[in-house]
C-alpha atoms as a PDB file:
ATOM      1  CA  MET A   1      29.581   6.279 -36.787  1.00  0.00           C
ATOM      2  CA  ASN A   2      30.651   9.752 -36.992  1.00  0.00           C
ATOM      3  CA  ILE A   3      32.816  11.778 -34.477  1.00  0.00           C
ATOM      4  CA  PHE A   4      29.758  13.259 -32.803  1.00  0.00           C
ATOM      5  CA  ASP A   5      27.990  10.001 -32.228  1.00  0.00           C
ATOM      6  CA  LEU A   6      31.370   8.587 -30.788  1.00  0.00           C
ATOM      7  CA  LEU A   7      31.794  11.634 -28.558  1.00  0.00           C
ATOM      8  CA  LYS A   8      28.115  11.293 -27.396  1.00  0.00           C
ATOM      9  CA  SER A   9      28.523   7.595 -26.536  1.00  0.00           C
ATOM     10  CA  SER A  10      31.682   8.294 -24.652  1.00  0.00           C
ATOM     11  CA  ILE A  11      30.079  11.022 -22.540  1.00  0.00           C
ATOM     12  CA  ILE A  12      27.105   8.682 -21.744  1.00  0.00           C
ATOM     13  CA  LEU A  13      29.377   5.856 -20.747  1.00  0.00           C
ATOM     14  CA  PHE A  14      31.522   8.277 -18.596  1.00  0.00           C
ATOM     15  CA  PHE A  15      28.398   9.284 -16.634  1.00  0.00           C
ATOM     16  CA  LEU A  16      26.793   5.850 -16.396  1.00  0.00           C
ATOM     17  CA  SER A  17      30.113   4.187 -15.194  1.00  0.00           C
ATOM     18  CA  PRO A  18      30.857   4.089 -11.385  1.00  0.00           C
ATOM     19  CA  ILE A  19      33.319   6.636 -10.052  1.00  0.00           C
ATOM     20  CA  PHE A  20      34.522   4.225  -7.424  1.00  0.00           C
ATOM     21  CA  PRO A  21      35.787   0.713  -8.220  1.00  0.00           C
ATOM     22  CA  ASP A  22      33.596  -2.303  -7.590  1.00  0.00           C
ATOM     23  CA  SER A  23      33.667  -4.012  -4.249  1.00  0.00           C
ATOM     24  CA  MET A  24      35.832  -6.821  -5.847  1.00  0.00           C
ATOM     25  CA  GLY A  25      33.458  -9.623  -4.533  1.00  0.00           C
ATOM     26  CA  ASN A  26      31.561 -10.710  -1.504  1.00  0.00           C
ATOM     27  CA  LEU A  27      31.561  -7.830   1.098  1.00  0.00           C
ATOM     28  CA  ALA A  28      30.803 -10.427   3.768  1.00  0.00           C
ATOM     29  CA  GLN A  29      33.770 -12.548   2.991  1.00  0.00           C
ATOM     30  CA  TYR A  30      34.358 -15.183   5.702  1.00  0.00           C
ATOM     31  CA  PRO A  31      35.901 -15.011   8.166  1.00  0.00           C
ATOM     32  CA  PRO A  32      34.723 -11.611   9.709  1.00  0.00           C
ATOM     33  CA  GLU A  33      37.094  -9.496  11.723  1.00  0.00           C
ATOM     34  CA  LYS A  34      36.294  -9.834  15.346  1.00  0.00           C
ATOM     35  CA  LYS A  35      35.559  -6.818  17.499  1.00  0.00           C
ATOM     36  CA  ASP A  36      34.781  -7.094  21.281  1.00  0.00           C
ATOM     37  CA  ILE A  37      32.826  -4.775  23.569  1.00  0.00           C
ATOM     38  CA  THR A  38      32.608  -5.892  27.250  1.00  0.00           C
ATOM     39  CA  ILE A  39      29.993  -4.383  29.508  1.00  0.00           C
ATOM     40  CA  THR A  40      30.620  -4.620  33.207  1.00  0.00           C
ATOM     41  CA  THR A  41      29.139  -3.055  36.332  1.00  0.00           C
ATOM     42  CA  LEU A  42      30.969  -0.594  38.417  1.00  0.00           C
ATOM     43  CA  THR A  43      30.558  -0.505  42.210  1.00  0.00           C
ATOM     44  CA  ASN A  44      28.251   2.516  41.834  1.00  0.00           C
ATOM     45  CA  GLY A  45      25.991   0.589  39.513  1.00  0.00           C
ATOM     46  CA  MET A  46      26.990   2.352  36.313  1.00  0.00           C
ATOM     47  CA  PRO A  47      27.876   0.392  33.144  1.00  0.00           C
ATOM     48  CA  LYS A  48      31.408   0.338  32.120  1.00  0.00           C
ATOM     49  CA  LEU A  49      32.213  -0.163  28.312  1.00  0.00           C
ATOM     50  CA  GLU A  50      35.639  -1.548  27.256  1.00  0.00           C
ATOM     51  CA  PRO A  51      36.430  -0.148  24.786  1.00  0.00           C
ATOM     52  CA  SER A  52      34.095   2.808  24.462  1.00  0.00           C
ATOM     53  CA  GLU A  53      35.086   3.506  20.951  1.00  0.00           C
ATOM     54  CA  VAL A  54      35.227   0.844  18.225  1.00  0.00           C
ATOM     55  CA  PHE A  55      37.064   1.561  14.955  1.00  0.00           C
ATOM     56  CA  LEU A  56      35.741   0.094  11.660  1.00  0.00           C
ATOM     57  CA  PHE A  57      36.190   0.386   7.859  1.00  0.00           C
ATOM     58  CA  THR A  58      33.393   0.527   5.347  1.00  0.00           C
ATOM     59  CA  GLY A  59      33.116  -2.627   3.197  1.00  0.00           C
ATOM     60  CA  ASN A  60      34.818  -4.858   5.743  1.00  0.00           C
ATOM     61  CA  TYR A  61      32.977  -7.639   7.301  1.00  0.00           C
ATOM     62  CA  TYR A  62      32.807  -7.648  11.107  1.00  0.00           C
ATOM     63  CA  ARG A  63      31.642  -9.824  14.081  1.00  0.00           C
ATOM     64  CA  LEU A  64      30.812  -7.778  17.076  1.00  0.00           C
ATOM     65  CA  ASN A  65      31.016  -9.760  20.236  1.00  0.00           C
ATOM     66  CA  ILE A  66      29.084  -8.060  23.048  1.00  0.00           C
ATOM     67  CA  ASN A  67      30.144  -9.623  26.380  1.00  0.00           C
ATOM     68  CA  CYS A  68      28.219  -9.258  29.671  1.00  0.00           C
ATOM     69  CA  PRO A  69      30.234 -11.142  32.340  1.00  0.00           C
ATOM     70  CA  ASP A  70      28.822  -9.927  35.590  1.00  0.00           C
ATOM     71  CA  VAL A  71      24.928  -9.627  35.128  1.00  0.00           C
ATOM     72  CA  LYS A  72      23.149 -11.169  38.091  1.00  0.00           C
ATOM     73  CA  ASN A  73      19.432 -11.051  36.955  1.00  0.00           C
ATOM     74  CA  ASP A  74      16.862  -9.314  34.789  1.00  0.00           C
ATOM     75  CA  LEU A  75      16.890  -6.114  36.710  1.00  0.00           C
ATOM     76  CA  THR A  76      20.772  -5.673  36.725  1.00  0.00           C
ATOM     77  CA  GLY A  77      21.053  -6.477  33.065  1.00  0.00           C
ATOM     78  CA  TRP A  78      22.038  -3.989  30.255  1.00  0.00           C
ATOM     79  CA  ARG A  79      20.364  -2.893  27.130  1.00  0.00           C
ATOM     80  CA  ILE A  80      22.490  -2.152  24.208  1.00  0.00           C
ATOM     81  CA  GLU A  81      21.068   0.068  21.336  1.00  0.00           C
ATOM     82  CA  MET A  82      23.085   0.915  18.250  1.00  0.00           C
ATOM     83  CA  LYS A  83      20.480   2.238  15.883  1.00  0.00           C
ATOM     84  CA  GLU A  84      22.809   4.689  14.138  1.00  0.00           C
ATOM     85  CA  LEU A  85      25.302   2.064  13.144  1.00  0.00           C
ATOM     86  CA  LEU A  86      22.688  -0.442  12.063  1.00  0.00           C
ATOM     87  CA  GLY A  87      20.992   2.117   9.891  1.00  0.00           C
ATOM     88  CA  ASN A  88      24.253   2.556   8.017  1.00  0.00           C
ATOM     89  CA  ALA A  89      25.317  -1.049   7.743  1.00  0.00           C
ATOM     90  CA  HIS A  90      24.384  -4.313   6.053  1.00  0.00           C
ATOM     91  CA  LEU A  91      23.299  -6.674   8.874  1.00  0.00           C
ATOM     92  CA  ARG A  92      24.028 -10.310   8.264  1.00  0.00           C
ATOM     93  CA  LEU A  93      23.704 -12.411  11.437  1.00  0.00           C
ATOM     94  CA  VAL A  94      22.800 -12.232  15.032  1.00  0.00           C
ATOM     95  CA  THR A  95      23.865 -15.010  17.397  1.00  0.00           C
ATOM     96  CA  VAL A  96      22.813 -15.551  21.025  1.00  0.00           C
ATOM     97  CA  GLY A  97      24.148 -18.757  22.503  1.00  0.00           C
ATOM     98  CA  ASP A  98      23.771 -21.418  19.797  1.00  0.00           C
ATOM     99  CA  ILE A  99      20.882 -19.628  18.170  1.00  0.00           C
ATOM    100  CA  GLU A 100      21.561 -17.911  14.849  1.00  0.00           C
ATOM    101  CA  ILE A 101      19.255 -15.372  13.356  1.00  0.00           C
ATOM    102  CA  HIS A 102      20.089 -14.788   9.714  1.00  0.00           C
ATOM    103  CA  LEU A 103      18.713 -11.114   8.948  1.00  0.00           C
ATOM    104  CA  GLN A 104      20.398 -10.288   5.686  1.00  0.00           C
ATOM    105  CA  GLY A 105      19.929  -6.644   5.919  1.00  0.00           C
ATOM    106  CA  LEU A 106      16.926  -6.389   8.199  1.00  0.00           C
ATOM    107  CA  SER A 107      17.411  -4.679  11.555  1.00  0.00           C
ATOM    108  CA  PHE A 108      16.599  -4.884  15.233  1.00  0.00           C
ATOM    109  CA  ASN A 109      16.289  -2.345  18.077  1.00  0.00           C
ATOM    110  CA  ALA A 110      18.352  -3.646  20.969  1.00  0.00           C
ATOM    111  CA  ILE A 111      20.074  -6.570  22.628  1.00  0.00           C
ATOM    112  CA  GLU A 112      19.391  -7.059  26.358  1.00  0.00           C
ATOM    113  CA  CYS A 113      21.918  -8.874  28.486  1.00  0.00           C
ATOM    114  CA  ASP A 114      19.753 -10.134  31.373  1.00  0.00           C
ATOM    115  CA  GLU A 115      22.161 -12.975  32.354  1.00  0.00           C
ATOM    116  CA  ILE A 116      25.841 -13.692  31.949  1.00  0.00           C
ATOM    117  CA  GLY A 117      26.713 -14.375  28.400  1.00  0.00           C
ATOM    118  CA  SER A 118      27.422 -12.892  24.997  1.00  0.00           C
ATOM    119  CA  ALA A 119      25.630 -11.903  21.744  1.00  0.00           C
ATOM    120  CA  HIS A 120      27.289 -11.577  18.450  1.00  0.00           C
ATOM    121  CA  VAL A 121      26.224  -9.257  15.481  1.00  0.00           C
ATOM    122  CA  SER A 122      27.800  -9.796  12.092  1.00  0.00           C
ATOM    123  CA  PHE A 123      27.601  -6.845   9.676  1.00  0.00           C
ATOM    124  CA  VAL A 124      29.285  -4.756   7.007  1.00  0.00           C
ATOM    125  CA  PRO A 125      29.456  -0.970   7.596  1.00  0.00           C
ATOM    126  CA  ILE A 126      28.332   0.859   4.570  1.00  0.00           C
ATOM    127  CA  LYS A 127      28.611   4.660   5.356  1.00  0.00           C
ATOM    128  CA  PRO A 128      31.665   6.361   7.072  1.00  0.00           C
ATOM    129  CA  GLY A 129      30.689   8.359  10.180  1.00  0.00           C
ATOM    130  CA  LYS A 130      30.780   8.523  14.020  1.00  0.00           C
ATOM    131  CA  TYR A 131      27.835   6.515  15.348  1.00  0.00           C
ATOM    132  CA  ARG A 132      26.808   6.738  18.994  1.00  0.00           C
ATOM    133  CA  PHE A 133      25.495   3.776  20.824  1.00  0.00           C
ATOM    134  CA  TYR A 134      23.777   3.485  24.126  1.00  0.00           C
ATOM    135  CA  VAL A 135      24.165   1.005  27.207  1.00  0.00           C
ATOM    136  CA  GLY A 136      21.775   1.445  29.993  1.00  0.00           C
ATOM    137  CA  ASN A 137      19.355  -0.287  32.319  1.00  0.00           C
ATOM    138  CA  VAL A 138      16.862  -2.534  30.845  1.00  0.00           C
ATOM    139  CA  PRO A 139      13.546  -0.622  30.867  1.00  0.00           C
ATOM    140  CA  SER A 140      11.882  -2.851  33.516  1.00  0.00           C
ATOM    141  CA  ALA A 141      14.679  -2.076  36.028  1.00  0.00           C
ATOM    142  CA  VAL A 142      13.500   1.576  36.123  1.00  0.00           C
ATOM    143  CA  GLY A 143       9.789   0.921  36.082  1.00  0.00           C
ATOM    144  CA  ARG A 144       9.277   1.313  32.215  1.00  0.00           C
ATOM    145  CA  PRO A 145       7.517  -1.138  29.821  1.00  0.00           C
ATOM    146  CA  ILE A 146       9.586  -4.170  28.849  1.00  0.00           C
ATOM    147  CA  GLY A 147      11.254  -3.622  25.432  1.00  0.00           C
ATOM    148  CA  GLU A 148      10.809   0.145  25.498  1.00  0.00           C
ATOM    149  CA  ALA A 149      13.416   1.792  23.133  1.00  0.00           C
ATOM    150  CA  GLY A 150      15.498   4.785  23.836  1.00  0.00           C
ATOM    151  CA  ILE A 151      17.548   6.219  26.774  1.00  0.00           C
ATOM    152  CA  GLN A 152      16.124   5.287  30.127  1.00  0.00           C
ATOM    153  CA  GLU A 153      16.652   8.769  31.737  1.00  0.00           C
ATOM    154  CA  GLU A 154      15.841   7.484  35.257  1.00  0.00           C
ATOM    155  CA  GLY A 155      18.431   4.829  34.949  1.00  0.00           C
ATOM    156  CA  LYS A 156      22.191   4.483  34.616  1.00  0.00           C
ATOM    157  CA  PHE A 157      23.742   4.636  31.274  1.00  0.00           C
ATOM    158  CA  VAL A 158      26.780   5.463  29.139  1.00  0.00           C
ATOM    159  CA  PHE A 159      27.395   6.070  25.511  1.00  0.00           C
ATOM    160  CA  GLY A 160      30.096   4.633  23.247  1.00  0.00           C
ATOM    161  CA  HIS A 161      30.926   5.329  19.617  1.00  0.00           C
ATOM    162  CA  PHE A 162      31.491   3.363  16.510  1.00  0.00           C
ATOM    163  CA  VAL A 163      33.929   5.203  14.185  1.00  0.00           C
ATOM    164  CA  VAL A 164      33.556   4.079  10.622  1.00  0.00           C
ATOM    165  CA  LYS A 165      36.212   5.170   8.072  1.00  0.00           C
END
């Protein structure tokens, strides 16, 4: 092999090799780090998020616990949509009560809390950014079709953010 072949091989290897180091194993390494969001209802009927910002790191495995402690019925429940985060994360598992849904990268539109309880979403954020999420009335509470996606303008709602670094 002459010097030109060696130089050519070195250049090809340089451009084909990753710039960043490998993930060093399973990105969804158990146990996930727990993050909580609690949604309560203020006296004026508005949803209250605690916290309204959730800080995450790319490549870390998280279990987001969405808690709805004061929902009274279907019409006073809250709908949580986090489309921006889910579009930039690897979704692993959704748990409601004792039911586990293993998604392995697929997605979903929303979680509706129409009774007291919690839902859990396990995921790995992939892309840094600030991702808005929506919490508002379930669509049927404002005369819209059940399961309708998006902001229910006629209802009560707030926004929170996931900040991924």
